[in-house]
Amino acid sequence: MTTRRLVLLLVLMLGLPASAVAQPAVFLVRHAERADTGAAPAMAGAPAADPDLSEAGRARAASLAVALKDANITAIYATEFKRTQQTAAPIAQVLGLSVIVVPAGSVETLVEKLNALPGNALVVGHSNTVPQVAKALGVKTAVQIPDTEYSDLFVVVRAKEPVLLRLHYR
């Protein structure tokens, strides 16, 4: 994370009520760029069902690890797909944590786990599941992630009235 972005984040956090700053946070990201090298035989040109990350995706996952290494993350969640687990792997390695796999369709179960967690968490999901998780955490602002966007980093401060910050990382 660049110094400029870090200063911006600090300014944003200082603008929050004191009670919100002391609350745990959930970091939400969409998986990094996928390598769609394989196509389904019946649908040539269609994306592969469970592709690995591309070279750019692996670089983005490494960047995420650098950006969040000091965020006091105590749990990392990813879906059953390789691309989410590969996005989470570098930060998990840096922090010495295991990635907890939750089915992409089990947003309610994931949110129950997040609500029971006293510390900060990282959730690596998809363009459709990240908005669902944010909403289930009580965020009132609608979150949309275009299919071509991989740089969004959402921070949900878990307070009585959850606060959403939208940042970008490279």
N, C-alpha and C. Protein backbone atom coordinates (compact mmCIF):
# COMPACT_ATOMS: atom_id res chain seq x y z
N MET A 1 0.86 -1.16 0.00
CA MET A 1 0.00 0.00 0.00
C MET A 1 0.90 1.22 0.00
N THR A 2 0.65 2.17 -0.87
CA THR A 2 1.49 3.35 -0.96
C THR A 2 1.28 4.22 0.27
N THR A 3 2.25 5.08 0.51
CA THR A 3 2.17 5.98 1.65
C THR A 3 0.95 6.88 1.54
N ARG A 4 0.68 7.34 0.33
CA ARG A 4 -0.48 8.22 0.10
C ARG A 4 -1.78 7.51 0.49
N ARG A 5 -1.92 6.27 0.09
CA ARG A 5 -3.14 5.52 0.41
C ARG A 5 -3.22 5.22 1.90
N LEU A 6 -2.09 4.94 2.50
CA LEU A 6 -2.07 4.68 3.94
C LEU A 6 -2.50 5.92 4.72
N VAL A 7 -2.00 7.08 4.29
CA VAL A 7 -2.39 8.34 4.94
C VAL A 7 -3.88 8.57 4.75
N LEU A 8 -4.40 8.31 3.55
CA LEU A 8 -5.83 8.48 3.29
C LEU A 8 -6.65 7.56 4.19
N LEU A 9 -6.23 6.31 4.31
CA LEU A 9 -6.93 5.38 5.18
C LEU A 9 -6.91 5.87 6.63
N LEU A 10 -5.77 6.36 7.08
CA LEU A 10 -5.66 6.87 8.43
C LEU A 10 -6.59 8.06 8.65
N VAL A 11 -6.64 8.96 7.67
CA VAL A 11 -7.53 10.12 7.77
C VAL A 11 -8.99 9.66 7.84
N LEU A 12 -9.34 8.68 7.01
CA LEU A 12 -10.71 8.16 7.04
C LEU A 12 -11.02 7.52 8.39
N MET A 13 -10.10 6.74 8.90
CA MET A 13 -10.33 6.07 10.18
C MET A 13 -10.44 7.09 11.33
N LEU A 14 -9.65 8.16 11.26
CA LEU A 14 -9.72 9.17 12.31
C LEU A 14 -11.04 9.93 12.26
N GLY A 15 -11.67 9.96 11.10
CA GLY A 15 -12.95 10.63 10.95
C GLY A 15 -14.12 9.81 11.46
N LEU A 16 -13.89 8.53 11.77
CA LEU A 16 -14.95 7.67 12.28
C LEU A 16 -15.16 7.92 13.76
N PRO A 17 -16.34 7.65 14.25
CA PRO A 17 -16.54 7.74 15.70
C PRO A 17 -15.58 6.80 16.42
N ALA A 18 -15.17 7.18 17.61
CA ALA A 18 -14.19 6.38 18.36
C ALA A 18 -14.67 4.95 18.56
N SER A 19 -15.97 4.76 18.76
CA SER A 19 -16.48 3.41 18.98
C SER A 19 -16.31 2.54 17.75
N ALA A 20 -16.36 3.13 16.55
CA ALA A 20 -16.22 2.35 15.32
C ALA A 20 -14.77 1.91 15.12
N VAL A 21 -13.82 2.77 15.50
CA VAL A 21 -12.42 2.43 15.32
C VAL A 21 -12.04 1.24 16.20
N ALA A 22 -12.63 1.12 17.37
CA ALA A 22 -12.30 0.04 18.29
C ALA A 22 -12.96 -1.27 17.90
N GLN A 23 -13.87 -1.26 16.96
CA GLN A 23 -14.61 -2.44 16.56
C GLN A 23 -13.79 -3.29 15.59
N PRO A 24 -14.04 -4.60 15.59
CA PRO A 24 -13.37 -5.46 14.61
C PRO A 24 -13.81 -5.10 13.20
N ALA A 25 -13.00 -5.49 12.24
CA ALA A 25 -13.30 -5.19 10.84
C ALA A 25 -13.27 -6.47 10.02
N VAL A 26 -14.04 -6.45 8.94
CA VAL A 26 -14.01 -7.53 7.96
C VAL A 26 -13.52 -6.92 6.66
N PHE A 27 -12.43 -7.47 6.13
CA PHE A 27 -11.89 -7.05 4.86
C PHE A 27 -12.47 -7.98 3.80
N LEU A 28 -13.10 -7.39 2.80
CA LEU A 28 -13.74 -8.17 1.73
C LEU A 28 -13.06 -7.87 0.40
N VAL A 29 -12.64 -8.91 -0.30
CA VAL A 29 -12.08 -8.74 -1.63
C VAL A 29 -12.63 -9.80 -2.57
N ARG A 30 -12.70 -9.42 -3.81
CA ARG A 30 -13.00 -10.40 -4.84
C ARG A 30 -11.68 -11.10 -5.15
N HIS A 31 -11.75 -12.34 -5.58
CA HIS A 31 -10.53 -13.05 -5.97
C HIS A 31 -9.77 -12.24 -7.01
N ALA A 32 -8.49 -12.49 -7.12
CA ALA A 32 -7.66 -11.80 -8.10
C ALA A 32 -7.93 -12.37 -9.51
N GLU A 33 -7.26 -11.80 -10.49
CA GLU A 33 -7.49 -12.15 -11.89
C GLU A 33 -7.31 -13.64 -12.14
N ARG A 34 -8.25 -14.19 -12.88
CA ARG A 34 -8.26 -15.62 -13.17
C ARG A 34 -7.60 -15.90 -14.52
N ALA A 35 -7.06 -17.11 -14.61
CA ALA A 35 -6.43 -17.56 -15.86
C ALA A 35 -7.41 -18.50 -16.55
N ASP A 36 -8.15 -17.97 -17.47
CA ASP A 36 -9.14 -18.79 -18.18
C ASP A 36 -8.51 -19.44 -19.40
N THR A 37 -7.63 -20.39 -19.15
CA THR A 37 -6.96 -21.06 -20.25
C THR A 37 -7.74 -22.24 -20.77
N GLY A 38 -8.58 -22.82 -19.93
CA GLY A 38 -9.38 -23.97 -20.35
C GLY A 38 -10.81 -23.57 -20.61
N ALA A 39 -11.40 -24.15 -21.62
CA ALA A 39 -12.81 -23.88 -21.92
C ALA A 39 -13.58 -25.19 -21.85
N ALA A 40 -14.82 -25.10 -21.48
CA ALA A 40 -15.67 -26.29 -21.45
C ALA A 40 -15.79 -26.84 -22.86
N PRO A 41 -15.66 -28.15 -23.05
CA PRO A 41 -15.69 -28.72 -24.39
C PRO A 41 -16.95 -28.37 -25.17
N ALA A 42 -18.09 -28.30 -24.50
CA ALA A 42 -19.33 -28.02 -25.21
C ALA A 42 -19.47 -26.54 -25.56
N MET A 43 -18.72 -25.70 -24.88
CA MET A 43 -18.85 -24.27 -25.10
C MET A 43 -17.46 -23.66 -25.29
N ALA A 44 -16.89 -23.83 -26.47
CA ALA A 44 -15.57 -23.29 -26.74
C ALA A 44 -15.57 -21.79 -26.49
N GLY A 45 -14.56 -21.30 -25.82
CA GLY A 45 -14.45 -19.89 -25.52
C GLY A 45 -15.09 -19.49 -24.20
N ALA A 46 -15.82 -20.40 -23.56
CA ALA A 46 -16.43 -20.12 -22.26
C ALA A 46 -15.36 -20.17 -21.18
N PRO A 47 -15.53 -19.43 -20.11
CA PRO A 47 -14.55 -19.47 -19.03
C PRO A 47 -14.48 -20.86 -18.39
N ALA A 48 -13.31 -21.22 -17.93
CA ALA A 48 -13.14 -22.49 -17.23
C ALA A 48 -13.94 -22.44 -15.93
N ALA A 49 -14.40 -23.59 -15.49
CA ALA A 49 -15.25 -23.65 -14.29
C ALA A 49 -14.49 -23.28 -13.02
N ASP A 50 -13.24 -23.69 -12.90
CA ASP A 50 -12.47 -23.44 -11.69
C ASP A 50 -11.01 -23.14 -12.06
N PRO A 51 -10.78 -21.99 -12.69
CA PRO A 51 -9.42 -21.68 -13.15
C PRO A 51 -8.50 -21.25 -12.00
N ASP A 52 -7.21 -21.41 -12.23
CA ASP A 52 -6.19 -20.87 -11.34
C ASP A 52 -6.12 -19.37 -11.55
N LEU A 53 -5.29 -18.70 -10.75
CA LEU A 53 -5.03 -17.29 -10.97
C LEU A 53 -4.05 -17.12 -12.13
N SER A 54 -4.18 -16.02 -12.82
CA SER A 54 -3.22 -15.68 -13.88
C SER A 54 -1.96 -15.13 -13.21
N GLU A 55 -0.97 -14.81 -14.01
CA GLU A 55 0.25 -14.20 -13.47
C GLU A 55 -0.10 -12.87 -12.79
N ALA A 56 -0.95 -12.08 -13.44
CA ALA A 56 -1.39 -10.81 -12.84
C ALA A 56 -2.15 -11.07 -11.54
N GLY A 57 -2.94 -12.13 -11.50
CA GLY A 57 -3.68 -12.47 -10.30
C GLY A 57 -2.76 -12.87 -9.16
N ARG A 58 -1.72 -13.63 -9.47
CA ARG A 58 -0.75 -14.02 -8.43
C ARG A 58 -0.04 -12.78 -7.88
N ALA A 59 0.29 -11.84 -8.77
CA ALA A 59 0.93 -10.59 -8.32
C ALA A 59 -0.03 -9.79 -7.43
N ARG A 60 -1.31 -9.75 -7.81
CA ARG A 60 -2.29 -9.02 -7.00
C ARG A 60 -2.45 -9.69 -5.63
N ALA A 61 -2.47 -11.00 -5.58
CA ALA A 61 -2.59 -11.71 -4.30
C ALA A 61 -1.40 -11.40 -3.40
N ALA A 62 -0.21 -11.32 -3.99
CA ALA A 62 0.98 -10.96 -3.21
C ALA A 62 0.87 -9.52 -2.70
N SER A 63 0.32 -8.64 -3.52
CA SER A 63 0.12 -7.25 -3.11
C SER A 63 -0.89 -7.15 -1.96
N LEU A 64 -1.92 -7.96 -2.02
CA LEU A 64 -2.92 -7.99 -0.93
C LEU A 64 -2.24 -8.38 0.38
N ALA A 65 -1.35 -9.35 0.31
CA ALA A 65 -0.63 -9.79 1.51
C ALA A 65 0.18 -8.65 2.11
N VAL A 66 0.82 -7.87 1.26
CA VAL A 66 1.61 -6.72 1.74
C VAL A 66 0.68 -5.68 2.35
N ALA A 67 -0.43 -5.41 1.68
CA ALA A 67 -1.36 -4.37 2.15
C ALA A 67 -2.00 -4.72 3.49
N LEU A 68 -2.25 -6.00 3.74
CA LEU A 68 -2.99 -6.40 4.94
C LEU A 68 -2.14 -7.07 6.02
N LYS A 69 -0.85 -7.14 5.84
CA LYS A 69 -0.01 -7.89 6.79
C LYS A 69 -0.06 -7.34 8.21
N ASP A 70 -0.35 -6.05 8.35
CA ASP A 70 -0.41 -5.44 9.68
C ASP A 70 -1.83 -5.11 10.11
N ALA A 71 -2.83 -5.76 9.50
CA ALA A 71 -4.24 -5.44 9.77
C ALA A 71 -4.83 -6.27 10.91
N ASN A 72 -4.00 -6.99 11.62
CA ASN A 72 -4.45 -7.81 12.76
C ASN A 72 -5.54 -8.80 12.39
N ILE A 73 -5.39 -9.41 11.24
CA ILE A 73 -6.35 -10.41 10.77
C ILE A 73 -6.14 -11.70 11.56
N THR A 74 -7.23 -12.25 12.10
CA THR A 74 -7.15 -13.47 12.89
C THR A 74 -7.80 -14.67 12.20
N ALA A 75 -8.53 -14.41 11.11
CA ALA A 75 -9.17 -15.51 10.37
C ALA A 75 -9.30 -15.11 8.91
N ILE A 76 -9.11 -16.09 8.03
CA ILE A 76 -9.21 -15.87 6.59
C ILE A 76 -10.18 -16.89 6.02
N TYR A 77 -11.16 -16.40 5.28
CA TYR A 77 -12.18 -17.25 4.67
C TYR A 77 -12.11 -17.11 3.15
N ALA A 78 -12.30 -18.23 2.46
CA ALA A 78 -12.35 -18.23 1.00
C ALA A 78 -13.35 -19.30 0.57
N THR A 79 -13.86 -19.18 -0.64
CA THR A 79 -14.80 -20.17 -1.14
C THR A 79 -14.05 -21.42 -1.59
N GLU A 80 -14.80 -22.37 -2.07
CA GLU A 80 -14.23 -23.65 -2.49
C GLU A 80 -13.46 -23.58 -3.80
N PHE A 81 -13.46 -22.44 -4.45
CA PHE A 81 -12.81 -22.32 -5.75
C PHE A 81 -11.33 -21.97 -5.61
N LYS A 82 -10.53 -22.53 -6.53
CA LYS A 82 -9.08 -22.34 -6.47
C LYS A 82 -8.69 -20.86 -6.47
N ARG A 83 -9.37 -20.06 -7.27
CA ARG A 83 -8.96 -18.66 -7.40
C ARG A 83 -9.11 -17.88 -6.10
N THR A 84 -10.11 -18.20 -5.29
CA THR A 84 -10.24 -17.50 -4.01
C THR A 84 -9.18 -17.98 -3.03
N GLN A 85 -8.95 -19.27 -3.00
CA GLN A 85 -7.95 -19.83 -2.10
C GLN A 85 -6.54 -19.37 -2.48
N GLN A 86 -6.28 -19.27 -3.79
CA GLN A 86 -4.97 -18.81 -4.24
C GLN A 86 -4.79 -17.32 -3.95
N THR A 87 -5.87 -16.55 -3.96
CA THR A 87 -5.79 -15.13 -3.60
C THR A 87 -5.48 -14.99 -2.12
N ALA A 88 -6.05 -15.85 -1.30
CA ALA A 88 -5.85 -15.79 0.15
C ALA A 88 -4.52 -16.39 0.60
N ALA A 89 -3.94 -17.26 -0.19
CA ALA A 89 -2.75 -18.01 0.24
C ALA A 89 -1.57 -17.15 0.68
N PRO A 90 -1.18 -16.10 -0.07
CA PRO A 90 -0.01 -15.33 0.38
C PRO A 90 -0.19 -14.65 1.74
N ILE A 91 -1.36 -14.07 2.00
CA ILE A 91 -1.57 -13.42 3.29
C ILE A 91 -1.68 -14.48 4.40
N ALA A 92 -2.26 -15.62 4.09
CA ALA A 92 -2.33 -16.70 5.08
C ALA A 92 -0.92 -17.16 5.45
N GLN A 93 -0.07 -17.27 4.47
CA GLN A 93 1.31 -17.69 4.73
C GLN A 93 2.05 -16.65 5.57
N VAL A 94 1.90 -15.38 5.22
CA VAL A 94 2.56 -14.31 5.97
C VAL A 94 2.11 -14.30 7.43
N LEU A 95 0.81 -14.54 7.65
CA LEU A 95 0.25 -14.47 9.01
C LEU A 95 0.30 -15.80 9.75
N GLY A 96 0.67 -16.87 9.05
CA GLY A 96 0.71 -18.18 9.69
C GLY A 96 -0.68 -18.72 10.00
N LEU A 97 -1.66 -18.36 9.16
CA LEU A 97 -3.03 -18.82 9.35
C LEU A 97 -3.42 -19.82 8.26
N SER A 98 -4.41 -20.62 8.54
CA SER A 98 -4.98 -21.51 7.52
C SER A 98 -6.20 -20.81 6.93
N VAL A 99 -6.41 -21.04 5.64
CA VAL A 99 -7.59 -20.50 4.98
C VAL A 99 -8.77 -21.42 5.31
N ILE A 100 -9.84 -20.84 5.80
CA ILE A 100 -11.05 -21.58 6.12
C ILE A 100 -11.95 -21.55 4.89
N VAL A 101 -12.27 -22.72 4.37
CA VAL A 101 -13.06 -22.80 3.15
C VAL A 101 -14.54 -22.87 3.51
N VAL A 102 -15.31 -21.97 2.90
CA VAL A 102 -16.77 -21.95 3.06
C VAL A 102 -17.40 -21.96 1.68
N PRO A 103 -18.45 -22.71 1.49
CA PRO A 103 -19.09 -22.75 0.17
C PRO A 103 -19.58 -21.37 -0.26
N ALA A 104 -19.41 -21.05 -1.54
CA ALA A 104 -19.80 -19.74 -2.06
C ALA A 104 -21.26 -19.43 -1.81
N GLY A 105 -22.11 -20.44 -1.79
CA GLY A 105 -23.53 -20.22 -1.59
C GLY A 105 -23.95 -20.15 -0.13
N SER A 106 -23.01 -20.20 0.80
CA SER A 106 -23.33 -20.23 2.24
C SER A 106 -23.01 -18.90 2.92
N VAL A 107 -23.55 -17.82 2.38
CA VAL A 107 -23.28 -16.50 2.94
C VAL A 107 -23.75 -16.41 4.38
N GLU A 108 -24.91 -16.97 4.69
CA GLU A 108 -25.43 -16.91 6.06
C GLU A 108 -24.50 -17.60 7.05
N THR A 109 -23.99 -18.77 6.68
CA THR A 109 -23.06 -19.49 7.55
C THR A 109 -21.79 -18.70 7.75
N LEU A 110 -21.28 -18.11 6.69
CA LEU A 110 -20.07 -17.30 6.78
C LEU A 110 -20.29 -16.11 7.72
N VAL A 111 -21.39 -15.42 7.56
CA VAL A 111 -21.66 -14.25 8.39
C VAL A 111 -21.83 -14.65 9.86
N GLU A 112 -22.41 -15.81 10.13
CA GLU A 112 -22.48 -16.29 11.51
C GLU A 112 -21.08 -16.45 12.09
N LYS A 113 -20.17 -17.03 11.29
CA LYS A 113 -18.78 -17.20 11.74
C LYS A 113 -18.12 -15.84 11.98
N LEU A 114 -18.36 -14.90 11.08
CA LEU A 114 -17.76 -13.57 11.21
C LEU A 114 -18.30 -12.85 12.45
N ASN A 115 -19.58 -12.97 12.70
CA ASN A 115 -20.17 -12.31 13.86
C ASN A 115 -19.69 -12.91 15.17
N ALA A 116 -19.29 -14.17 15.17
CA ALA A 116 -18.78 -14.82 16.37
C ALA A 116 -17.29 -14.54 16.59
N LEU A 117 -16.62 -14.03 15.58
CA LEU A 117 -15.18 -13.80 15.64
C LEU A 117 -14.89 -12.47 16.34
N PRO A 118 -14.05 -12.48 17.39
CA PRO A 118 -13.76 -11.23 18.09
C PRO A 118 -12.76 -10.33 17.35
N GLY A 119 -12.00 -10.88 16.42
CA GLY A 119 -10.97 -10.08 15.75
C GLY A 119 -11.33 -9.74 14.32
N ASN A 120 -10.32 -9.29 13.59
CA ASN A 120 -10.49 -8.91 12.19
C ASN A 120 -10.43 -10.15 11.30
N ALA A 121 -11.13 -10.09 10.17
CA ALA A 121 -11.16 -11.22 9.25
C ALA A 121 -11.00 -10.73 7.82
N LEU A 122 -10.49 -11.62 6.98
CA LEU A 122 -10.43 -11.40 5.54
C LEU A 122 -11.36 -12.42 4.90
N VAL A 123 -12.19 -11.94 3.97
CA VAL A 123 -13.06 -12.82 3.19
C VAL A 123 -12.71 -12.62 1.73
N VAL A 124 -12.36 -13.70 1.05
CA VAL A 124 -12.09 -13.65 -0.39
C VAL A 124 -13.24 -14.35 -1.08
N GLY A 125 -13.98 -13.58 -1.85
CA GLY A 125 -15.16 -14.11 -2.51
C GLY A 125 -15.18 -13.80 -3.99
N HIS A 126 -16.36 -13.52 -4.48
CA HIS A 126 -16.60 -13.32 -5.91
C HIS A 126 -17.37 -12.03 -6.13
N SER A 127 -17.51 -11.61 -7.38
CA SER A 127 -18.18 -10.35 -7.66
C SER A 127 -19.63 -10.36 -7.19
N ASN A 128 -20.22 -11.53 -7.06
CA ASN A 128 -21.60 -11.60 -6.57
C ASN A 128 -21.68 -11.89 -5.07
N THR A 129 -20.70 -12.57 -4.49
CA THR A 129 -20.80 -12.92 -3.07
C THR A 129 -20.29 -11.81 -2.15
N VAL A 130 -19.29 -11.03 -2.58
CA VAL A 130 -18.78 -9.95 -1.74
C VAL A 130 -19.91 -8.96 -1.40
N PRO A 131 -20.72 -8.51 -2.39
CA PRO A 131 -21.84 -7.64 -2.04
C PRO A 131 -22.85 -8.30 -1.10
N GLN A 132 -23.08 -9.60 -1.27
CA GLN A 132 -24.02 -10.32 -0.39
C GLN A 132 -23.51 -10.35 1.04
N VAL A 133 -22.22 -10.57 1.21
CA VAL A 133 -21.63 -10.61 2.55
C VAL A 133 -21.71 -9.23 3.19
N ALA A 134 -21.37 -8.19 2.43
CA ALA A 134 -21.44 -6.82 2.97
C ALA A 134 -22.86 -6.51 3.44
N LYS A 135 -23.84 -6.86 2.63
CA LYS A 135 -25.23 -6.60 2.99
C LYS A 135 -25.62 -7.40 4.24
N ALA A 136 -25.21 -8.67 4.29
CA ALA A 136 -25.55 -9.51 5.45
C ALA A 136 -24.87 -9.03 6.72
N LEU A 137 -23.76 -8.28 6.59
CA LEU A 137 -23.08 -7.70 7.75
C LEU A 137 -23.74 -6.39 8.20
N GLY A 138 -24.79 -5.98 7.47
CA GLY A 138 -25.53 -4.79 7.86
C GLY A 138 -25.19 -3.53 7.10
N VAL A 139 -24.36 -3.65 6.07
CA VAL A 139 -24.00 -2.47 5.27
C VAL A 139 -25.22 -2.07 4.45
N LYS A 140 -25.60 -0.81 4.55
CA LYS A 140 -26.78 -0.33 3.85
C LYS A 140 -26.45 0.15 2.43
N THR A 141 -25.23 0.56 2.19
CA THR A 141 -24.81 1.01 0.87
C THR A 141 -24.66 -0.20 -0.04
N ALA A 142 -25.30 -0.15 -1.20
CA ALA A 142 -25.19 -1.26 -2.14
C ALA A 142 -23.78 -1.33 -2.70
N VAL A 143 -23.24 -2.53 -2.74
CA VAL A 143 -21.90 -2.77 -3.28
C VAL A 143 -22.06 -3.46 -4.62
N GLN A 144 -21.39 -2.92 -5.62
CA GLN A 144 -21.38 -3.54 -6.94
C GLN A 144 -19.94 -3.68 -7.40
N ILE A 145 -19.63 -4.85 -7.97
CA ILE A 145 -18.28 -5.09 -8.48
C ILE A 145 -18.40 -5.51 -9.94
N PRO A 146 -17.93 -4.68 -10.86
CA PRO A 146 -17.97 -5.07 -12.28
C PRO A 146 -17.14 -6.33 -12.52
N ASP A 147 -17.51 -7.10 -13.52
CA ASP A 147 -16.80 -8.36 -13.83
C ASP A 147 -15.33 -8.14 -14.13
N THR A 148 -14.95 -6.94 -14.56
CA THR A 148 -13.56 -6.68 -14.93
C THR A 148 -12.76 -6.03 -13.80
N GLU A 149 -13.37 -5.89 -12.63
CA GLU A 149 -12.71 -5.19 -11.52
C GLU A 149 -12.17 -6.19 -10.49
N TYR A 150 -10.89 -6.04 -10.17
CA TYR A 150 -10.25 -6.93 -9.19
C TYR A 150 -9.53 -6.16 -8.08
N SER A 151 -9.54 -4.84 -8.13
CA SER A 151 -8.73 -4.05 -7.19
C SER A 151 -9.49 -3.53 -5.98
N ASP A 152 -10.79 -3.81 -5.87
CA ASP A 152 -11.56 -3.31 -4.74
C ASP A 152 -11.18 -4.02 -3.44
N LEU A 153 -11.04 -3.24 -2.40
CA LEU A 153 -10.83 -3.75 -1.05
C LEU A 153 -11.85 -3.05 -0.17
N PHE A 154 -12.84 -3.79 0.28
CA PHE A 154 -13.89 -3.24 1.12
C PHE A 154 -13.55 -3.54 2.58
N VAL A 155 -13.73 -2.54 3.41
CA VAL A 155 -13.51 -2.71 4.84
C VAL A 155 -14.85 -2.43 5.53
N VAL A 156 -15.37 -3.42 6.21
CA VAL A 156 -16.60 -3.26 6.97
C VAL A 156 -16.22 -3.21 8.45
N VAL A 157 -16.39 -2.03 9.04
CA VAL A 157 -16.14 -1.87 10.46
C VAL A 157 -17.41 -2.33 11.17
N ARG A 158 -17.27 -3.38 11.98
CA ARG A 158 -18.43 -4.01 12.62
C ARG A 158 -18.80 -3.24 13.88
N ALA A 159 -19.66 -2.28 13.70
CA ALA A 159 -20.16 -1.48 14.80
C ALA A 159 -21.68 -1.62 14.84
N LYS A 160 -22.32 -0.93 15.78
CA LYS A 160 -23.78 -0.97 15.85
C LYS A 160 -24.37 -0.60 14.49
N GLU A 161 -23.84 0.43 13.87
CA GLU A 161 -24.16 0.81 12.49
C GLU A 161 -22.90 0.56 11.69
N PRO A 162 -22.80 -0.57 10.97
CA PRO A 162 -21.56 -0.88 10.25
C PRO A 162 -21.14 0.25 9.29
N VAL A 163 -19.84 0.44 9.21
CA VAL A 163 -19.27 1.46 8.35
C VAL A 163 -18.53 0.75 7.22
N LEU A 164 -18.74 1.22 5.99
CA LEU A 164 -18.09 0.62 4.83
C LEU A 164 -17.08 1.59 4.24
N LEU A 165 -15.86 1.11 4.07
CA LEU A 165 -14.82 1.85 3.36
C LEU A 165 -14.50 1.07 2.09
N ARG A 166 -14.37 1.78 0.98
CA ARG A 166 -14.00 1.14 -0.29
C ARG A 166 -12.65 1.69 -0.71
N LEU A 167 -11.68 0.80 -0.76
CA LEU A 167 -10.31 1.17 -1.14
C LEU A 167 -9.93 0.36 -2.38
N HIS A 168 -8.75 0.64 -2.93
CA HIS A 168 -8.24 -0.13 -4.06
C HIS A 168 -6.79 -0.52 -3.76
N TYR A 169 -6.41 -1.68 -4.23
CA TYR A 169 -5.03 -2.12 -4.12
C TYR A 169 -4.59 -2.66 -5.47
N ARG A 170 -3.32 -2.70 -5.70
CA ARG A 170 -2.79 -3.17 -7.00
C ARG A 170 -2.11 -4.49 -6.86
